[in-house]
């Protein structure tokens, strides 16, 4: 097995491979790979089929856990990872931009909202681009038309030079491009990996952001902690190896740092709460028309004409309901890193958290609580153990430090900046200097 080689022989092998392709730009490279929903708890399993990740943990540093921000869902936490601030400053609260939330019709979520509209603060890839470095992304989120990404293969891959490359080399057909979401998520993650390999070997970007989703998808369907999830982790570990091999074959291994992260964990649930059903049955409509946006472990409530009095009346509708962990006003939620309506119109007038084993779901025709097949959910408070994410760093500039204490995910962006030698200030995260050479 490749990673069973003695370290001196492995180092010599890598050194030889690194001189095969001479690159004119020898500035540092950082490759960030996000494995969506990979829980820190999963990484504790000594029998986890993940030899590439175990090799990185052995040769570099890994955190006991990486705490996500609230809310513990994909877009807010990917944004925290590359901005160094929480949602109270970057304002991303769901997987997209919430629109029409205080109108008379059901609110909508715009997934393709431009990054400059969706993300309220600069990112580390903005800083890298401004410093003259090249940047790339594959299936990253909240990153539509940023103007500071040089090479891109977006989640909905329909056009662009990297798509053209994969069609030309036979990795995809034009029909598969046209129906990109018809096959499985594992198929898409394989295509995303091929796109990452293409970018790394041909363009050698200084900062690359790659995102793979298969684990999140399978756990949403089957729950957390089963063989379906473990088998998917094995599949993802192979994709990480593909990316490492691409860097090696491109002659860049000696100048590359690999950072493996996740955005949140996952937990199994067996009950679904329907907040819009409870609003339907409520006799009063405090604050005018009121809608809930359910997001698994939390729900956002918006009133057409919110006042402190109407918000308190709305809170009474949900307090004490079966499955509801907490009902928080904007001021209470702000203590946990949420923005307030005074800061952004994305912020809710009331925040609900679900208890363990419960999740919030769509629909207003059902009873408030219904039983359901086991399914995974996230969005619970970021102090819940199963919501904790992973952090692994290996390669150039990283000490063989092994296990380190838990870290907040807002520390990733300044660590990337430190590794690239660029300035990224005005943020709350701190570089992980203890693991840096």
Protein backbone atom coordinates (compact mmCIF):
# COMPACT_ATOMS: atom_id res chain seq x y z
CA UNK A 1 0.00 0.00 0.00
CA UNK A 2 1.37 3.41 -0.95
CA UNK A 3 1.19 4.94 2.51
CA UNK A 4 2.87 1.96 4.17
CA UNK A 5 6.24 2.98 2.68
CA UNK A 6 8.89 4.00 5.25
CA UNK A 7 8.79 7.77 5.59
CA UNK A 8 12.39 8.29 4.35
CA UNK A 9 11.66 6.25 1.21
CA UNK A 10 8.33 8.03 0.76
CA UNK A 11 10.01 11.43 1.07
CA UNK A 12 12.64 10.47 -1.49
CA UNK A 13 9.97 9.20 -3.87
CA UNK A 14 7.99 12.42 -3.55
CA UNK A 15 11.09 14.55 -4.01
CA UNK A 16 11.91 12.73 -7.26
CA UNK A 17 8.37 13.18 -8.51
CA UNK A 18 8.46 16.88 -7.71
CA UNK A 19 11.36 17.60 -10.10
CA UNK A 20 9.70 15.90 -13.06
CA UNK A 21 7.63 18.95 -13.99
CA UNK A 22 9.31 22.32 -13.56
CA UNK A 23 6.86 25.12 -12.73
CA UNK A 24 7.85 28.76 -13.26
CA UNK A 25 5.81 29.93 -10.25
CA UNK A 26 7.05 28.27 -7.07
CA UNK A 27 4.86 30.22 -4.65
CA UNK A 28 3.01 28.21 -1.98
CA UNK A 29 -0.13 26.26 -2.81
CA UNK A 30 -2.97 25.46 -0.40
CA UNK A 31 -5.59 22.86 -1.29
CA UNK A 32 -8.71 22.90 0.90
CA UNK A 33 -10.97 19.84 0.60
CA UNK A 34 -14.34 19.94 2.35
CA UNK A 35 -16.02 16.58 3.01
CA UNK A 36 -19.57 17.70 3.71
CA UNK A 37 -21.11 16.40 6.99
CA UNK A 38 -18.01 14.46 8.08
CA UNK A 39 -18.47 14.35 11.85
CA UNK A 40 -15.53 14.51 14.24
CA UNK A 41 -17.10 11.52 15.98
CA UNK A 42 -16.62 9.43 12.82
CA UNK A 43 -12.91 10.22 12.69
CA UNK A 44 -12.49 8.64 16.14
CA UNK A 45 -13.25 5.19 14.73
CA UNK A 46 -9.87 3.37 14.45
CA UNK A 47 -11.35 1.03 11.84
CA UNK A 48 -12.63 3.81 9.60
CA UNK A 49 -11.73 2.88 5.98
CA UNK A 50 -9.81 6.11 5.33
CA UNK A 51 -6.08 5.37 4.78
CA UNK A 52 -5.38 8.69 3.04
CA UNK A 53 -6.86 10.72 5.88
CA UNK A 54 -5.05 8.56 8.45
CA UNK A 55 -1.77 9.17 6.58
CA UNK A 56 -2.39 12.92 6.66
CA UNK A 57 -3.20 12.77 10.37
CA UNK A 58 0.04 10.88 11.01
CA UNK A 59 2.26 13.18 8.94
CA UNK A 60 0.57 16.44 9.94
CA UNK A 61 -1.89 17.73 12.53
CA UNK A 62 -5.56 17.14 13.24
CA UNK A 63 -8.00 18.65 15.69
CA UNK A 64 -9.93 16.67 18.28
CA UNK A 65 -12.90 18.47 16.69
CA UNK A 66 -13.62 21.64 14.76
CA UNK A 67 -16.57 23.60 16.09
CA UNK A 68 -18.91 24.94 13.41
CA UNK A 69 -20.70 28.25 13.68
CA UNK A 70 -24.46 28.60 14.08
CA UNK A 71 -26.37 27.63 12.06
CA UNK A 72 -24.70 24.25 11.59
CA UNK A 73 -25.54 23.88 7.91
CA UNK A 74 -23.49 23.87 4.72
CA UNK A 75 -23.41 27.38 3.27
CA UNK A 76 -23.01 29.33 6.52
CA UNK A 77 -20.11 27.15 7.62
CA UNK A 78 -18.31 27.02 4.30
CA UNK A 79 -18.55 30.79 4.36
CA UNK A 80 -17.15 30.94 7.90
CA UNK A 81 -14.26 28.70 6.87
CA UNK A 82 -13.12 31.16 4.18
CA UNK A 83 -14.07 34.47 5.88
CA UNK A 84 -12.87 33.93 9.45
CA UNK A 85 -16.12 35.30 10.93
CA UNK A 86 -19.46 33.88 12.02
CA UNK A 87 -22.94 34.46 10.62
CA UNK A 88 -23.46 37.63 12.64
CA UNK A 89 -20.97 39.23 10.24
CA UNK A 90 -21.14 37.27 7.00
CA UNK A 91 -25.01 37.01 7.08
CA UNK A 92 -25.37 33.60 5.34
CA UNK A 93 -28.07 31.68 7.24
CA UNK A 94 -29.29 29.01 4.80
CA UNK A 95 -28.08 27.40 1.58
CA UNK A 96 -28.76 30.52 -0.47
CA UNK A 97 -30.32 33.97 -0.23
CA UNK A 98 -33.72 34.21 1.49
CA UNK A 99 -36.19 36.30 -0.50
CA UNK A 100 -39.75 37.46 0.20
CA UNK A 101 -39.51 36.44 3.84
CA UNK A 102 -41.65 39.30 5.11
CA UNK A 103 -44.21 39.44 2.32
CA UNK A 104 -47.60 37.87 1.75
CA UNK A 105 -46.39 34.82 -0.19
CA UNK A 106 -44.19 31.90 0.82
CA UNK A 107 -40.51 32.92 1.03
CA UNK A 108 -38.04 31.53 -1.49
CA UNK A 109 -34.34 30.66 -1.34
CA UNK A 110 -32.23 31.83 -4.27
CA UNK A 111 -29.37 29.39 -4.72
CA UNK A 112 -27.57 31.30 -7.46
CA UNK A 113 -27.42 34.65 -5.69
CA UNK A 114 -24.23 36.54 -6.57
CA UNK A 115 -21.53 36.27 -3.93
CA UNK A 116 -21.33 40.05 -3.51
CA UNK A 117 -25.03 40.08 -2.56
CA UNK A 118 -24.97 36.98 -0.38
CA UNK A 119 -21.69 37.31 1.57
CA UNK A 120 -21.31 40.55 3.53
CA UNK A 121 -17.54 40.36 4.16
CA UNK A 122 -14.34 39.67 2.18
CA UNK A 123 -13.02 36.12 1.79
CA UNK A 124 -9.54 34.67 1.91
CA UNK A 125 -9.75 33.90 -1.82
CA UNK A 126 -10.49 37.60 -2.41
CA UNK A 127 -7.35 38.43 -0.45
CA UNK A 128 -5.30 35.85 -2.37
CA UNK A 129 -6.49 37.20 -5.70
CA UNK A 130 -5.72 40.78 -4.67
CA UNK A 131 -2.22 39.65 -3.68
CA UNK A 132 -1.62 38.39 -7.21
CA UNK A 133 -2.14 34.68 -6.50
CA UNK A 134 -4.29 32.37 -8.62
CA UNK A 135 -7.47 30.85 -7.19
CA UNK A 136 -9.76 27.94 -8.03
CA UNK A 137 -12.95 26.33 -6.79
CA UNK A 138 -14.94 23.17 -7.48
CA UNK A 139 -18.47 22.95 -6.04
CA UNK A 140 -17.73 25.50 -3.32
CA UNK A 141 -20.77 27.43 -2.11
CA UNK A 142 -21.87 31.08 -1.82
CA UNK A 143 -19.37 31.77 -4.56
CA UNK A 144 -21.43 32.63 -7.66
CA UNK A 145 -19.60 35.13 -9.90
CA UNK A 146 -17.17 36.40 -7.23
CA UNK A 147 -14.78 37.99 -9.71
CA UNK A 148 -11.79 36.70 -7.75
CA UNK A 149 -11.76 33.01 -8.80
CA UNK A 150 -9.58 32.20 -11.82
CA UNK A 151 -10.67 28.58 -12.41
CA UNK A 152 -14.15 27.35 -11.56
CA UNK A 153 -16.28 24.22 -11.86
CA UNK A 154 -19.54 25.14 -10.11
CA UNK A 155 -22.04 22.82 -8.44
CA UNK A 156 -24.32 22.98 -11.48
CA UNK A 157 -21.67 22.37 -14.11
CA UNK A 158 -23.10 23.53 -17.43
CA UNK A 159 -20.37 25.53 -19.16
CA UNK A 160 -16.81 26.77 -18.85
CA UNK A 161 -13.29 25.70 -19.81
CA UNK A 162 -13.06 22.94 -17.19
CA UNK A 163 -16.38 21.45 -18.35
CA UNK A 164 -15.01 21.56 -21.90
CA UNK A 165 -11.87 19.74 -20.78
CA UNK A 166 -13.85 16.91 -19.17
CA UNK A 167 -16.10 16.51 -22.19
CA UNK A 168 -13.10 16.50 -24.50
CA UNK A 169 -11.25 13.80 -22.54
CA UNK A 170 -14.37 11.62 -22.24
CA UNK A 171 -14.97 12.07 -18.51
CA UNK A 172 -18.47 13.44 -19.26
CA UNK A 173 -20.77 13.47 -22.23
CA UNK A 174 -22.71 16.53 -23.34
CA UNK A 175 -25.90 14.74 -22.32
CA UNK A 176 -24.53 14.24 -18.80
CA UNK A 177 -23.67 17.93 -18.64
CA UNK A 178 -27.22 18.79 -19.67
CA UNK A 179 -28.68 16.44 -17.01
CA UNK A 180 -25.99 16.89 -14.37
CA UNK A 181 -28.24 16.20 -11.38
CA UNK A 182 -29.84 13.04 -12.75
CA UNK A 183 -27.08 10.58 -11.66
CA UNK A 184 -26.09 9.95 -8.02
CA UNK A 185 -24.19 12.34 -5.79
CA UNK A 186 -21.29 9.86 -5.81
CA UNK A 187 -21.14 10.22 -9.61
CA UNK A 188 -21.10 14.01 -9.28
CA UNK A 189 -18.40 13.86 -6.60
CA UNK A 190 -16.28 11.78 -8.94
CA UNK A 191 -16.78 14.42 -11.66
CA UNK A 192 -15.96 17.19 -9.18
CA UNK A 193 -12.75 15.33 -8.36
CA UNK A 194 -11.83 14.98 -12.04
CA UNK A 195 -12.42 18.73 -12.39
CA UNK A 196 -10.13 19.38 -9.42
CA UNK A 197 -7.46 17.12 -10.93
CA UNK A 198 -7.73 18.94 -14.26
CA UNK A 199 -7.33 22.33 -12.59
CA UNK A 200 -4.43 21.27 -10.37
CA UNK A 201 -2.39 19.59 -13.11
CA UNK A 202 -2.97 22.22 -15.80
CA UNK A 203 -3.22 25.49 -13.87
CA UNK A 204 -1.45 24.97 -10.50
CA UNK A 205 -3.54 27.52 -8.52
CA UNK A 206 -2.14 28.91 -5.30
CA UNK A 207 -5.45 28.47 -3.47
CA UNK A 208 -7.97 25.75 -4.34
CA UNK A 209 -11.33 25.13 -2.66
CA UNK A 210 -12.93 21.74 -3.32
CA UNK A 211 -16.22 20.44 -1.89
CA UNK A 212 -17.61 16.88 -1.97
CA UNK A 213 -21.17 16.10 -0.89
CA UNK A 214 -21.75 12.33 -1.01
CA UNK A 215 -21.60 11.73 2.76
CA UNK A 216 -24.12 14.45 3.55
CA UNK A 217 -26.49 13.06 0.93
CA UNK A 218 -26.37 9.45 2.11
CA UNK A 219 -26.71 10.38 5.79
CA UNK A 220 -29.73 12.57 5.09
CA UNK A 221 -31.35 9.48 3.57
CA UNK A 222 -30.23 6.74 5.98
CA UNK A 223 -29.15 8.41 9.23
CA UNK A 224 -25.81 8.73 10.96
CA UNK A 225 -23.30 6.07 12.01
CA UNK A 226 -24.16 3.17 9.74
CA UNK A 227 -22.33 1.20 7.03
CA UNK A 228 -23.79 3.39 4.29
CA UNK A 229 -21.94 6.34 5.79
CA UNK A 230 -18.74 4.40 6.43
CA UNK A 231 -18.70 3.06 2.87
CA UNK A 232 -19.17 6.60 1.57
CA UNK A 233 -16.24 7.78 3.68
CA UNK A 234 -14.10 5.12 1.99
CA UNK A 235 -15.23 6.45 -1.40
CA UNK A 236 -14.37 10.03 -0.36
CA UNK A 237 -10.98 8.99 0.99
CA UNK A 238 -10.16 7.69 -2.48
CA UNK A 239 -11.18 11.04 -3.95
CA UNK A 240 -8.81 12.84 -1.56
CA UNK A 241 -6.05 10.47 -2.71
CA UNK A 242 -6.84 11.36 -6.33
CA UNK A 243 -6.30 15.03 -5.51
CA UNK A 244 -3.03 14.35 -3.66
CA UNK A 245 -1.82 12.27 -6.61
CA UNK A 246 -2.73 15.09 -9.01
CA UNK A 247 -0.62 17.55 -7.03
CA UNK A 248 2.25 15.07 -7.02
CA UNK A 249 1.98 14.41 -10.75
CA UNK A 250 1.84 18.16 -11.39
CA UNK A 251 5.20 18.57 -9.67
CA UNK A 252 3.78 20.66 -6.82
CA UNK A 253 3.86 18.37 -3.78
CA UNK A 254 6.79 20.09 -2.13
CA UNK A 255 5.01 23.48 -2.09
CA UNK A 256 1.48 22.31 -1.25
CA UNK A 257 -0.44 22.24 2.03
CA UNK A 258 -3.55 20.07 2.22
CA UNK A 259 -6.33 21.11 4.59
CA UNK A 260 -9.21 18.66 5.03
CA UNK A 261 -12.32 20.07 6.71
CA UNK A 262 -16.03 19.52 7.07
CA UNK A 263 -18.82 21.99 7.66
CA UNK A 264 -20.79 20.16 10.34
CA UNK A 265 -21.69 16.71 11.62
CA UNK A 266 -24.98 14.86 11.46
CA UNK A 267 -27.36 13.04 13.78
CA UNK A 268 -30.20 10.60 13.24
CA UNK A 269 -33.80 11.72 13.73
CA UNK A 270 -37.14 9.88 13.80
CA UNK A 271 -39.68 12.71 14.23
CA UNK A 272 -40.55 15.68 12.02
CA UNK A 273 -42.02 18.96 13.24
CA UNK A 274 -44.04 21.11 10.86
CA UNK A 275 -43.91 24.70 12.16
CA UNK A 276 -46.08 26.06 9.35
CA UNK A 277 -48.82 23.60 10.39
CA UNK A 278 -48.76 25.04 13.90
CA UNK A 279 -48.90 28.56 12.48
CA UNK A 280 -51.87 27.51 10.34
CA UNK A 281 -53.75 26.27 13.42
CA UNK A 282 -52.85 29.28 15.58
CA UNK A 283 -55.88 31.44 16.26
CA UNK A 284 -53.96 34.72 16.23
CA UNK A 285 -51.50 36.02 13.63
CA UNK A 286 -49.22 38.27 15.68
CA UNK A 287 -47.24 40.59 13.47
CA UNK A 288 -49.31 39.85 10.39
CA UNK A 289 -48.53 37.07 7.93
CA UNK A 290 -45.95 34.69 9.43
CA UNK A 291 -43.90 31.97 7.73
CA UNK A 292 -41.34 29.46 8.92
CA UNK A 293 -38.34 28.26 6.92
CA UNK A 294 -37.52 24.78 8.30
CA UNK A 295 -33.87 23.74 8.12
CA UNK A 296 -33.52 20.42 9.92
CA UNK A 297 -32.27 21.22 13.41
CA UNK A 298 -33.58 24.80 13.33
CA UNK A 299 -36.34 26.89 11.83
CA UNK A 300 -36.43 30.59 10.99
CA UNK A 301 -39.68 32.49 11.60
CA UNK A 302 -40.47 35.75 9.82
CA UNK A 303 -43.34 38.14 10.56
CA UNK A 304 -44.69 40.64 8.08
CA UNK A 305 -44.79 43.39 10.73
CA UNK A 306 -42.71 42.27 13.68
CA UNK A 307 -42.72 44.14 16.98
CA UNK A 308 -41.38 43.04 20.37
CA UNK A 309 -44.96 42.33 21.42
CA UNK A 310 -45.80 40.29 18.32
CA UNK A 311 -42.56 38.35 18.61
CA UNK A 312 -43.35 37.43 22.22
CA UNK A 313 -46.85 36.36 21.22
CA UNK A 314 -45.37 34.20 18.46
CA UNK A 315 -42.89 32.67 20.88
CA UNK A 316 -45.76 31.55 23.12
CA UNK A 317 -47.15 29.50 20.22
CA UNK A 318 -43.99 27.33 20.18
CA UNK A 319 -42.75 27.31 23.77
CA UNK A 320 -43.41 23.98 25.43
CA UNK A 321 -44.28 22.20 22.18
CA UNK A 322 -43.08 18.61 21.91
CA UNK A 323 -39.72 18.42 20.13
CA UNK A 324 -38.83 22.12 20.48
CA UNK A 325 -35.50 22.55 22.26
CA UNK A 326 -35.47 26.36 22.39
CA UNK A 327 -37.37 29.43 21.21
CA UNK A 328 -35.03 32.42 20.86
CA UNK A 329 -35.69 36.08 20.17
CA UNK A 330 -33.15 37.90 17.97
CA UNK A 331 -31.41 39.29 21.05
CA UNK A 332 -31.10 35.82 22.56
CA UNK A 333 -29.93 34.27 19.29
CA UNK A 334 -27.29 36.99 18.89
CA UNK A 335 -25.47 35.57 21.93
CA UNK A 336 -24.84 32.41 19.88
CA UNK A 337 -23.50 34.24 16.83
CA UNK A 338 -26.69 34.89 14.88
CA UNK A 339 -27.29 38.28 13.22
CA UNK A 340 -30.28 40.39 14.19
CA UNK A 341 -32.91 41.86 11.82
CA UNK A 342 -31.30 45.25 12.42
CA UNK A 343 -28.08 43.89 10.84
CA UNK A 344 -29.58 42.02 7.87
CA UNK A 345 -32.99 41.16 6.48
CA UNK A 346 -31.84 37.53 6.39
CA UNK A 347 -32.08 37.34 10.19
CA UNK A 348 -35.32 35.85 11.59
CA UNK A 349 -37.77 37.45 13.96
CA UNK A 350 -37.78 34.22 15.97
CA UNK A 351 -35.44 31.21 15.98
CA UNK A 352 -36.47 27.65 16.86
CA UNK A 353 -34.12 24.78 17.70
CA UNK A 354 -35.19 21.14 17.59
CA UNK A 355 -34.52 18.61 20.31
CA UNK A 356 -32.37 15.57 19.55
CA UNK A 357 -34.23 12.96 17.45
CA UNK A 358 -36.49 15.69 15.99
CA UNK A 359 -36.11 17.82 12.87
CA UNK A 360 -38.11 20.63 11.29
CA UNK A 361 -39.68 19.92 7.91
CA UNK A 362 -41.86 21.43 5.20
CA UNK A 363 -45.63 21.21 5.00
CA UNK A 364 -48.64 22.80 6.67
CA UNK A 365 -51.25 20.08 6.15
CA UNK A 366 -49.87 17.60 8.69
CA UNK A 367 -50.05 17.53 12.48
CA UNK A 368 -47.27 19.51 14.13
CA UNK A 369 -45.28 16.35 14.94
CA UNK A 370 -45.21 13.21 12.79
CA UNK A 371 -43.08 10.07 12.92
CA UNK A 372 -40.74 9.34 10.03
CA UNK A 373 -38.15 6.87 8.84
CA UNK A 374 -34.69 7.40 10.30
CA UNK A 375 -32.94 10.25 8.53
CA UNK A 376 -29.93 12.43 9.22
CA UNK A 377 -30.20 16.09 10.11
CA UNK A 378 -27.97 18.98 11.14
CA UNK A 379 -28.64 22.57 12.10
CA UNK A 380 -28.76 21.83 15.83
CA UNK A 381 -26.83 24.17 18.18
CA UNK A 382 -23.09 24.16 17.52
CA UNK A 383 -22.45 22.87 21.04
CA UNK A 384 -24.12 19.51 20.27
CA UNK A 385 -21.37 16.82 20.10
CA UNK A 386 -22.55 15.25 16.84
CA UNK A 387 -22.48 18.64 15.09
CA UNK A 388 -18.68 18.90 15.48
CA UNK A 389 -16.64 18.84 12.25
CA UNK A 390 -13.13 17.69 11.27
CA UNK A 391 -9.85 19.50 10.61
CA UNK A 392 -6.70 17.86 9.22
CA UNK A 393 -3.63 19.65 7.85
CA UNK A 394 -0.65 18.05 6.15
CA UNK A 395 2.15 18.97 3.77
CA UNK A 396 4.25 22.10 3.32
CA UNK A 397 4.55 24.25 6.42
CA UNK A 398 2.73 21.84 8.76
CA UNK A 399 4.41 20.22 11.76
CA UNK A 400 3.90 16.53 12.47
CA UNK A 401 2.02 17.65 15.55
CA UNK A 402 -0.58 14.90 15.63
CA UNK A 403 -3.70 15.55 17.64
CA UNK A 404 -4.39 19.08 18.85
CA UNK A 405 -7.27 20.46 20.96
CA UNK A 406 -10.58 21.41 19.39
CA UNK A 407 -10.58 24.58 17.27
CA UNK A 408 -13.26 26.94 15.90
CA UNK A 409 -13.68 26.83 12.13
CA UNK A 410 -13.14 30.59 11.83
CA UNK A 411 -9.43 29.83 12.45
CA UNK A 412 -9.10 28.13 9.05
CA UNK A 413 -9.13 31.29 6.90
CA UNK A 414 -6.31 33.09 8.75
CA UNK A 415 -4.30 29.85 8.72
CA UNK A 416 -4.68 29.68 4.93
CA UNK A 417 -3.56 33.31 4.69
CA UNK A 418 -0.52 32.58 6.86
CA UNK A 419 0.46 29.61 4.70
CA UNK A 420 0.12 31.70 1.52
CA UNK A 421 2.01 34.63 3.02
CA UNK A 422 -0.79 37.14 2.42
CA UNK A 423 -2.53 39.70 4.61
CA UNK A 424 -6.09 38.95 5.77
CA UNK A 425 -7.14 41.25 8.58
CA UNK A 426 -10.30 42.49 10.28
CA UNK A 427 -11.49 38.98 11.12
CA UNK A 428 -12.21 37.11 14.35
CA UNK A 429 -10.31 33.87 13.63
CA UNK A 430 -6.66 33.36 14.55
CA UNK A 431 -4.01 31.42 12.58
CA UNK A 432 -3.18 28.01 14.04
CA UNK A 433 0.45 28.91 14.68
CA UNK A 434 1.01 25.86 16.92
CA UNK A 435 0.85 23.55 13.91
CA UNK A 436 2.86 25.76 11.52
CA UNK A 437 6.57 25.31 10.92
